Amino acid sequence: MSLFSFQLLTQVKIGPKDETLLTRTQKVINKTLWLIGTARNAILVVICGFIGYQLEDTGAIRLTGKYHVHAFYTYSQFTAQHTLFYN
């Protein structure tokens, strides 16, 4: 399903238009469809995270690993180690 189809789920209504005539099952289905349509981005993040986790286990991709952080200096540490020239 695409994100657009998830968006359309918020507009789907099961049962009669008059909400007082809806059965309990129809109300639950309507609320569930609305919730899925509203939470489409969160659902997509979870699905993509699961796919990425599965691909990492197979060795197809590497999501995490060793990384190197460059040295971080404050201004005073930098000027103590380097000479600054101003024109």
PDB file of N, CA and C in Angstrom:
ATOM      1  N   MET A   1       0.847  -1.190   0.000  1.00  0.00           N
ATOM      2  CA  MET A   1       0.000   0.000   0.000  1.00  0.00           C
ATOM      3  C   MET A   1       0.886   1.245   0.000  1.00  0.00           C
ATOM      4  N   SER A   2       0.454   2.231  -0.703  1.00  0.00           N
ATOM      5  CA  SER A   2       1.216   3.465  -0.731  1.00  0.00           C
ATOM      6  C   SER A   2       0.701   4.410   0.355  1.00  0.00           C
ATOM      7  N   LEU A   3       1.440   5.492   0.571  1.00  0.00           N
ATOM      8  CA  LEU A   3       1.016   6.473   1.567  1.00  0.00           C
ATOM      9  C   LEU A   3      -0.310   7.118   1.187  1.00  0.00           C
ATOM     10  N   PHE A   4      -0.539   7.257  -0.106  1.00  0.00           N
ATOM     11  CA  PHE A   4      -1.799   7.855  -0.550  1.00  0.00           C
ATOM     12  C   PHE A   4      -2.989   6.976  -0.194  1.00  0.00           C
ATOM     13  N   SER A   5      -2.820   5.667  -0.337  1.00  0.00           N
ATOM     14  CA  SER A   5      -3.925   4.777   0.015  1.00  0.00           C
ATOM     15  C   SER A   5      -4.178   4.795   1.523  1.00  0.00           C
ATOM     16  N   PHE A   6      -3.111   4.970   2.322  1.00  0.00           N
ATOM     17  CA  PHE A   6      -3.308   5.118   3.762  1.00  0.00           C
ATOM     18  C   PHE A   6      -4.094   6.388   4.057  1.00  0.00           C
ATOM     19  N   GLN A   7      -3.821   7.449   3.308  1.00  0.00           N
ATOM     20  CA  GLN A   7      -4.528   8.711   3.515  1.00  0.00           C
ATOM     21  C   GLN A   7      -6.013   8.553   3.179  1.00  0.00           C
ATOM     22  N   LEU A   8      -6.313   7.761   2.157  1.00  0.00           N
ATOM     23  CA  LEU A   8      -7.702   7.553   1.775  1.00  0.00           C
ATOM     24  C   LEU A   8      -8.484   6.757   2.824  1.00  0.00           C
ATOM     25  N   LEU A   9      -7.781   5.976   3.648  1.00  0.00           N
ATOM     26  CA  LEU A   9      -8.463   5.201   4.682  1.00  0.00           C
ATOM     27  C   LEU A   9      -9.205   6.084   5.679  1.00  0.00           C
ATOM     28  N   THR A  10      -8.737   7.314   5.870  1.00  0.00           N
ATOM     29  CA  THR A  10      -9.420   8.208   6.813  1.00  0.00           C
ATOM     30  C   THR A  10     -10.802   8.612   6.304  1.00  0.00           C
ATOM     31  N   GLN A  11     -11.036   8.486   4.995  1.00  0.00           N
ATOM     32  CA  GLN A  11     -12.312   8.897   4.407  1.00  0.00           C
ATOM     33  C   GLN A  11     -13.290   7.732   4.239  1.00  0.00           C
ATOM     34  N   VAL A  12     -12.827   6.497   4.435  1.00  0.00           N
ATOM     35  CA  VAL A  12     -13.679   5.322   4.262  1.00  0.00           C
ATOM     36  C   VAL A  12     -14.618   5.195   5.452  1.00  0.00           C
ATOM     37  N   LYS A  13     -15.889   5.018   5.188  1.00  0.00           N
ATOM     38  CA  LYS A  13     -16.892   4.823   6.240  1.00  0.00           C
ATOM     39  C   LYS A  13     -17.678   3.552   5.953  1.00  0.00           C
ATOM     40  N   ILE A  14     -17.837   2.713   6.965  1.00  0.00           N
ATOM     41  CA  ILE A  14     -18.601   1.479   6.860  1.00  0.00           C
ATOM     42  C   ILE A  14     -19.955   1.711   7.529  1.00  0.00           C
ATOM     43  N   GLY A  15     -21.042   1.298   6.878  1.00  0.00           N
ATOM     44  CA  GLY A  15     -22.376   1.410   7.478  1.00  0.00           C
ATOM     45  C   GLY A  15     -23.114   2.642   7.023  1.00  0.00           C
ATOM     46  N   PRO A  16     -24.263   2.912   7.656  1.00  0.00           N
ATOM     47  CA  PRO A  16     -25.096   4.057   7.268  1.00  0.00           C
ATOM     48  C   PRO A  16     -24.434   5.390   7.628  1.00  0.00           C
ATOM     49  N   LYS A  17     -24.862   6.445   6.936  1.00  0.00           N
ATOM     50  CA  LYS A  17     -24.289   7.769   7.179  1.00  0.00           C
ATOM     51  C   LYS A  17     -24.673   8.311   8.556  1.00  0.00           C
ATOM     52  N   ASP A  18     -25.850   7.967   9.021  1.00  0.00           N
ATOM     53  CA  ASP A  18     -26.298   8.413  10.344  1.00  0.00           C
ATOM     54  C   ASP A  18     -25.539   7.622  11.411  1.00  0.00           C
ATOM     55  N   GLU A  19     -24.731   8.338  12.201  1.00  0.00           N
ATOM     56  CA  GLU A  19     -23.874   7.659  13.181  1.00  0.00           C
ATOM     57  C   GLU A  19     -24.662   6.986  14.297  1.00  0.00           C
ATOM     58  N   THR A  20     -25.887   7.409  14.534  1.00  0.00           N
ATOM     59  CA  THR A  20     -26.686   6.766  15.583  1.00  0.00           C
ATOM     60  C   THR A  20     -27.152   5.374  15.170  1.00  0.00           C
ATOM     61  N   LEU A  21     -27.146   5.093  13.867  1.00  0.00           N
ATOM     62  CA  LEU A  21     -27.580   3.785  13.374  1.00  0.00           C
ATOM     63  C   LEU A  21     -26.432   2.781  13.231  1.00  0.00           C
ATOM     64  N   LEU A  22     -25.205   3.213  13.478  1.00  0.00           N
ATOM     65  CA  LEU A  22     -24.054   2.320  13.336  1.00  0.00           C
ATOM     66  C   LEU A  22     -24.042   1.268  14.444  1.00  0.00           C
ATOM     67  N   THR A  23     -23.692   0.045  14.073  1.00  0.00           N
ATOM     68  CA  THR A  23     -23.527  -0.997  15.088  1.00  0.00           C
ATOM     69  C   THR A  23     -22.170  -0.814  15.751  1.00  0.00           C
ATOM     70  N   ARG A  24     -21.966  -1.525  16.846  1.00  0.00           N
ATOM     71  CA  ARG A  24     -20.692  -1.435  17.566  1.00  0.00           C
ATOM     72  C   ARG A  24     -19.531  -1.885  16.683  1.00  0.00           C
ATOM     73  N   THR A  25     -19.736  -2.952  15.914  1.00  0.00           N
ATOM     74  CA  THR A  25     -18.699  -3.467  15.015  1.00  0.00           C
ATOM     75  C   THR A  25     -18.344  -2.438  13.947  1.00  0.00           C
ATOM     76  N   GLN A  26     -19.344  -1.774  13.381  1.00  0.00           N
ATOM     77  CA  GLN A  26     -19.090  -0.759  12.363  1.00  0.00           C
ATOM     78  C   GLN A  26     -18.323   0.429  12.949  1.00  0.00           C
ATOM     79  N   LYS A  27     -18.656   0.816  14.180  1.00  0.00           N
ATOM     80  CA  LYS A  27     -17.938   1.910  14.834  1.00  0.00           C
ATOM     81  C   LYS A  27     -16.472   1.544  15.053  1.00  0.00           C
ATOM     82  N   VAL A  28     -16.234   0.308  15.497  1.00  0.00           N
ATOM     83  CA  VAL A  28     -14.861  -0.140  15.745  1.00  0.00           C
ATOM     84  C   VAL A  28     -14.077  -0.177  14.431  1.00  0.00           C
ATOM     85  N   ILE A  29     -14.677  -0.681  13.367  1.00  0.00           N
ATOM     86  CA  ILE A  29     -14.003  -0.739  12.061  1.00  0.00           C
ATOM     87  C   ILE A  29     -13.694   0.673  11.557  1.00  0.00           C
ATOM     88  N   ASN A  30     -14.650   1.579  11.679  1.00  0.00           N
ATOM     89  CA  ASN A  30     -14.434   2.959  11.232  1.00  0.00           C
ATOM     90  C   ASN A  30     -13.312   3.634  12.018  1.00  0.00           C
ATOM     91  N   LYS A  31     -13.291   3.451  13.321  1.00  0.00           N
ATOM     92  CA  LYS A  31     -12.234   4.049  14.149  1.00  0.00           C
ATOM     93  C   LYS A  31     -10.876   3.428  13.840  1.00  0.00           C
ATOM     94  N   THR A  32     -10.842   2.116  13.573  1.00  0.00           N
ATOM     95  CA  THR A  32      -9.591   1.442  13.242  1.00  0.00           C
ATOM     96  C   THR A  32      -9.044   1.945  11.913  1.00  0.00           C
ATOM     97  N   LEU A  33      -9.912   2.069  10.905  1.00  0.00           N
ATOM     98  CA  LEU A  33      -9.479   2.597   9.613  1.00  0.00           C
ATOM     99  C   LEU A  33      -8.982   4.028   9.740  1.00  0.00           C
ATOM    100  N   TRP A  34      -9.668   4.838  10.542  1.00  0.00           N
ATOM    101  CA  TRP A  34      -9.237   6.211  10.758  1.00  0.00           C
ATOM    102  C   TRP A  34      -7.876   6.247  11.444  1.00  0.00           C
ATOM    103  N   LEU A  35      -7.663   5.381  12.435  1.00  0.00           N
ATOM    104  CA  LEU A  35      -6.394   5.353  13.157  1.00  0.00           C
ATOM    105  C   LEU A  35      -5.244   4.938  12.238  1.00  0.00           C
ATOM    106  N   ILE A  36      -5.459   3.931  11.418  1.00  0.00           N
ATOM    107  CA  ILE A  36      -4.424   3.484  10.479  1.00  0.00           C
ATOM    108  C   ILE A  36      -4.105   4.591   9.469  1.00  0.00           C
ATOM    109  N   GLY A  37      -5.136   5.255   8.974  1.00  0.00           N
ATOM    110  CA  GLY A  37      -4.919   6.348   8.023  1.00  0.00           C
ATOM    111  C   GLY A  37      -4.195   7.523   8.636  1.00  0.00           C
ATOM    112  N   THR A  38      -4.471   7.805   9.894  1.00  0.00           N
ATOM    113  CA  THR A  38      -3.832   8.924  10.577  1.00  0.00           C
ATOM    114  C   THR A  38      -2.396   8.601  10.970  1.00  0.00           C
ATOM    115  N   ALA A  39      -2.136   7.375  11.341  1.00  0.00           N
ATOM    116  CA  ALA A  39      -0.808   6.970  11.804  1.00  0.00           C
ATOM    117  C   ALA A  39       0.059   6.425  10.673  1.00  0.00           C
ATOM    118  N   ARG A  40      -0.238   6.808   9.444  1.00  0.00           N
ATOM    119  CA  ARG A  40       0.456   6.217   8.289  1.00  0.00           C
ATOM    120  C   ARG A  40       1.961   6.448   8.323  1.00  0.00           C
ATOM    121  N   ASN A  41       2.431   7.609   8.745  1.00  0.00           N
ATOM    122  CA  ASN A  41       3.870   7.869   8.766  1.00  0.00           C
ATOM    123  C   ASN A  41       4.562   7.014   9.816  1.00  0.00           C
ATOM    124  N   ALA A  42       3.956   6.886  10.976  1.00  0.00           N
ATOM    125  CA  ALA A  42       4.547   6.052  12.019  1.00  0.00           C
ATOM    126  C   ALA A  42       4.573   4.589  11.589  1.00  0.00           C
ATOM    127  N   ILE A  43       3.529   4.145  10.939  1.00  0.00           N
ATOM    128  CA  ILE A  43       3.483   2.762  10.455  1.00  0.00           C
ATOM    129  C   ILE A  43       4.579   2.541   9.418  1.00  0.00           C
ATOM    130  N   LEU A  44       4.781   3.511   8.532  1.00  0.00           N
ATOM    131  CA  LEU A  44       5.818   3.401   7.511  1.00  0.00           C
ATOM    132  C   LEU A  44       7.209   3.334   8.141  1.00  0.00           C
ATOM    133  N   VAL A  45       7.460   4.117   9.175  1.00  0.00           N
ATOM    134  CA  VAL A  45       8.755   4.090   9.862  1.00  0.00           C
ATOM    135  C   VAL A  45       8.998   2.724  10.478  1.00  0.00           C
ATOM    136  N   VAL A  46       7.993   2.155  11.113  1.00  0.00           N
ATOM    137  CA  VAL A  46       8.141   0.833  11.721  1.00  0.00           C
ATOM    138  C   VAL A  46       8.404  -0.235  10.661  1.00  0.00           C
ATOM    139  N   ILE A  47       7.662  -0.195   9.567  1.00  0.00           N
ATOM    140  CA  ILE A  47       7.851  -1.179   8.495  1.00  0.00           C
ATOM    141  C   ILE A  47       9.247  -1.057   7.883  1.00  0.00           C
ATOM    142  N   CYS A  48       9.686   0.160   7.587  1.00  0.00           N
ATOM    143  CA  CYS A  48      11.021   0.356   7.001  1.00  0.00           C
ATOM    144  C   CYS A  48      12.116  -0.034   7.989  1.00  0.00           C
ATOM    145  N   GLY A  49      11.909   0.228   9.270  1.00  0.00           N
ATOM    146  CA  GLY A  49      12.881  -0.205  10.269  1.00  0.00           C
ATOM    147  C   GLY A  49      12.999  -1.711  10.325  1.00  0.00           C
ATOM    148  N   PHE A  50      11.877  -2.395  10.228  1.00  0.00           N
ATOM    149  CA  PHE A  50      11.894  -3.857  10.227  1.00  0.00           C
ATOM    150  C   PHE A  50      12.604  -4.393   8.984  1.00  0.00           C
ATOM    151  N   ILE A  51      12.319  -3.792   7.823  1.00  0.00           N
ATOM    152  CA  ILE A  51      12.978  -4.218   6.584  1.00  0.00           C
ATOM    153  C   ILE A  51      14.483  -3.989   6.688  1.00  0.00           C
ATOM    154  N   GLY A  52      14.888  -2.842   7.195  1.00  0.00           N
ATOM    155  CA  GLY A  52      16.311  -2.564   7.358  1.00  0.00           C
ATOM    156  C   GLY A  52      16.982  -3.528   8.313  1.00  0.00           C
ATOM    157  N   TYR A  53      16.299  -3.870   9.388  1.00  0.00           N
ATOM    158  CA  TYR A  53      16.843  -4.835  10.348  1.00  0.00           C
ATOM    159  C   TYR A  53      17.028  -6.197   9.693  1.00  0.00           C
ATOM    160  N   GLN A  54      16.044  -6.611   8.892  1.00  0.00           N
ATOM    161  CA  GLN A  54      16.148  -7.898   8.201  1.00  0.00           C
ATOM    162  C   GLN A  54      17.284  -7.889   7.181  1.00  0.00           C
ATOM    163  N   LEU A  55      17.451  -6.796   6.460  1.00  0.00           N
ATOM    164  CA  LEU A  55      18.520  -6.705   5.471  1.00  0.00           C
ATOM    165  C   LEU A  55      19.888  -6.686   6.137  1.00  0.00           C
ATOM    166  N   GLU A  56      19.981  -6.081   7.314  1.00  0.00           N
ATOM    167  CA  GLU A  56      21.257  -6.055   8.022  1.00  0.00           C
ATOM    168  C   GLU A  56      21.635  -7.456   8.493  1.00  0.00           C
ATOM    169  N   ASP A  57      20.657  -8.235   8.911  1.00  0.00           N
ATOM    170  CA  ASP A  57      20.931  -9.614   9.342  1.00  0.00           C
ATOM    171  C   ASP A  57      21.425 -10.477   8.190  1.00  0.00           C
ATOM    172  N   THR A  58      20.948 -10.225   6.980  1.00  0.00           N
ATOM    173  CA  THR A  58      21.379 -11.023   5.835  1.00  0.00           C
ATOM    174  C   THR A  58      22.732 -10.561   5.297  1.00  0.00           C
ATOM    175  N   GLY A  59      23.198  -9.415   5.731  1.00  0.00           N
ATOM    176  CA  GLY A  59      24.484  -8.897   5.261  1.00  0.00           C
ATOM    177  C   GLY A  59      24.359  -8.058   4.007  1.00  0.00           C
ATOM    178  N   ALA A  60      23.135  -7.787   3.562  1.00  0.00           N
ATOM    179  CA  ALA A  60      22.935  -7.002   2.347  1.00  0.00           C
ATOM    180  C   ALA A  60      23.359  -5.545   2.543  1.00  0.00           C
ATOM    181  N   ILE A  61      23.100  -5.013   3.722  1.00  0.00           N
ATOM    182  CA  ILE A  61      23.493  -3.640   4.039  1.00  0.00           C
ATOM    183  C   ILE A  61      24.015  -3.594   5.461  1.00  0.00           C
ATOM    184  N   ARG A  62      24.700  -2.513   5.811  1.00  0.00           N
ATOM    185  CA  ARG A  62      25.171  -2.325   7.178  1.00  0.00           C
ATOM    186  C   ARG A  62      24.621  -1.001   7.684  1.00  0.00           C
ATOM    187  N   LEU A  63      23.761  -1.074   8.675  1.00  0.00           N
ATOM    188  CA  LEU A  63      23.138   0.131   9.214  1.00  0.00           C
ATOM    189  C   LEU A  63      23.982   0.773  10.301  1.00  0.00           C
ATOM    190  N   THR A  64      24.684  -0.041  11.052  1.00  0.00           N
ATOM    191  CA  THR A  64      25.497   0.485  12.142  1.00  0.00           C
ATOM    192  C   THR A  64      26.899  -0.074  12.021  1.00  0.00           C
ATOM    193  N   GLY A  65      27.814   0.552  12.651  1.00  0.00           N
ATOM    194  CA  GLY A  65      29.194   0.086  12.631  1.00  0.00           C
ATOM    195  C   GLY A  65      30.084   1.096  13.315  1.00  0.00           C
ATOM    196  N   LYS A  66      31.380   0.880  13.184  1.00  0.00           N
ATOM    197  CA  LYS A  66      32.323   1.805  13.803  1.00  0.00           C
ATOM    198  C   LYS A  66      32.347   3.105  13.012  1.00  0.00           C
ATOM    199  N   TYR A  67      32.444   4.172  13.706  1.00  0.00           N
ATOM    200  CA  TYR A  67      32.547   5.469  13.067  1.00  0.00           C
ATOM    201  C   TYR A  67      33.554   6.287  13.844  1.00  0.00           C
ATOM    202  N   HIS A  68      34.125   7.257  13.195  1.00  0.00           N
ATOM    203  CA  HIS A  68      35.149   8.089  13.806  1.00  0.00           C
ATOM    204  C   HIS A  68      34.618   9.506  13.930  1.00  0.00           C
ATOM    205  N   VAL A  69      34.766  10.051  15.108  1.00  0.00           N
ATOM    206  CA  VAL A  69      34.345  11.420  15.354  1.00  0.00           C
ATOM    207  C   VAL A  69      35.584  12.298  15.283  1.00  0.00           C
ATOM    208  N   HIS A  70      35.490  13.366  14.536  1.00  0.00           N
ATOM    209  CA  HIS A  70      36.614  14.282  14.441  1.00  0.00           C
ATOM    210  C   HIS A  70      36.819  14.980  15.772  1.00  0.00           C
ATOM    211  N   ALA A  71      38.038  15.396  16.011  1.00  0.00           N
ATOM    212  CA  ALA A  71      38.359  16.075  17.263  1.00  0.00           C
ATOM    213  C   ALA A  71      37.552  17.367  17.367  1.00  0.00           C
ATOM    214  N   PHE A  72      37.118  17.648  18.561  1.00  0.00           N
ATOM    215  CA  PHE A  72      36.327  18.841  18.815  1.00  0.00           C
ATOM    216  C   PHE A  72      37.129  19.748  19.729  1.00  0.00           C
ATOM    217  N   TYR A  73      37.316  20.975  19.324  1.00  0.00           N
ATOM    218  CA  TYR A  73      38.067  21.938  20.121  1.00  0.00           C
ATOM    219  C   TYR A  73      37.189  23.136  20.423  1.00  0.00           C
ATOM    220  N   THR A  74      37.356  23.656  21.609  1.00  0.00           N
ATOM    221  CA  THR A  74      36.743  24.945  21.900  1.00  0.00           C
ATOM    222  C   THR A  74      37.642  26.013  21.306  1.00  0.00           C
ATOM    223  N   TYR A  75      37.190  27.227  21.258  1.00  0.00           N
ATOM    224  CA  TYR A  75      37.977  28.307  20.660  1.00  0.00           C
ATOM    225  C   TYR A  75      39.284  28.507  21.416  1.00  0.00           C
ATOM    226  N   SER A  76      39.237  28.463  22.738  1.00  0.00           N
ATOM    227  CA  SER A  76      40.463  28.686  23.511  1.00  0.00           C
ATOM    228  C   SER A  76      41.458  27.542  23.319  1.00  0.00           C
ATOM    229  N   GLN A  77      41.007  26.316  23.203  1.00  0.00           N
ATOM    230  CA  GLN A  77      41.912  25.198  22.941  1.00  0.00           C
ATOM    231  C   GLN A  77      42.518  25.324  21.548  1.00  0.00           C
ATOM    232  N   PHE A  78      41.734  25.757  20.594  1.00  0.00           N
ATOM    233  CA  PHE A  78      42.223  25.888  19.227  1.00  0.00           C
ATOM    234  C   PHE A  78      43.292  26.970  19.139  1.00  0.00           C
ATOM    235  N   THR A  79      43.033  28.129  19.765  1.00  0.00           N
ATOM    236  CA  THR A  79      44.006  29.223  19.691  1.00  0.00           C
ATOM    237  C   THR A  79      45.270  28.890  20.465  1.00  0.00           C
ATOM    238  N   ALA A  80      45.196  28.048  21.483  1.00  0.00           N
ATOM    239  CA  ALA A  80      46.389  27.657  22.222  1.00  0.00           C
ATOM    240  C   ALA A  80      47.273  26.742  21.375  1.00  0.00           C
ATOM    241  N   GLN A  81      46.677  25.979  20.455  1.00  0.00           N
ATOM    242  CA  GLN A  81      47.431  25.051  19.626  1.00  0.00           C
ATOM    243  C   GLN A  81      47.826  25.646  18.275  1.00  0.00           C
ATOM    244  N   HIS A  82      47.146  26.670  17.819  1.00  0.00           N
ATOM    245  CA  HIS A  82      47.391  27.247  16.499  1.00  0.00           C
ATOM    246  C   HIS A  82      47.535  28.755  16.627  1.00  0.00           C
ATOM    247  N   THR A  83      48.352  29.301  15.793  1.00  0.00           N
ATOM    248  CA  THR A  83      48.519  30.747  15.773  1.00  0.00           C
ATOM    249  C   THR A  83      47.536  31.336  14.775  1.00  0.00           C
ATOM    250  N   LEU A  84      46.757  32.290  15.219  1.00  0.00           N
ATOM    251  CA  LEU A  84      45.794  32.936  14.347  1.00  0.00           C
ATOM    252  C   LEU A  84      46.368  34.248  13.853  1.00  0.00           C
ATOM    253  N   PHE A  85      46.246  34.496  12.561  1.00  0.00           N
ATOM    254  CA  PHE A  85      46.722  35.732  11.981  1.00  0.00           C
ATOM    255  C   PHE A  85      45.522  36.524  11.473  1.00  0.00           C
ATOM    256  N   TYR A  86      45.479  37.764  11.842  1.00  0.00           N
ATOM    257  CA  TYR A  86      44.412  38.648  11.380  1.00  0.00           C
ATOM    258  C   TYR A  86      45.049  39.714  10.497  1.00  0.00           C
ATOM    259  N   ASN A  87      44.440  39.989   9.386  1.00  0.00           N
ATOM    260  CA  ASN A  87      44.952  41.041   8.485  1.00  0.00           C
ATOM    261  C   ASN A  87      44.282  42.341   8.759  1.00  0.00           C
TER     262      ASN A  87
END
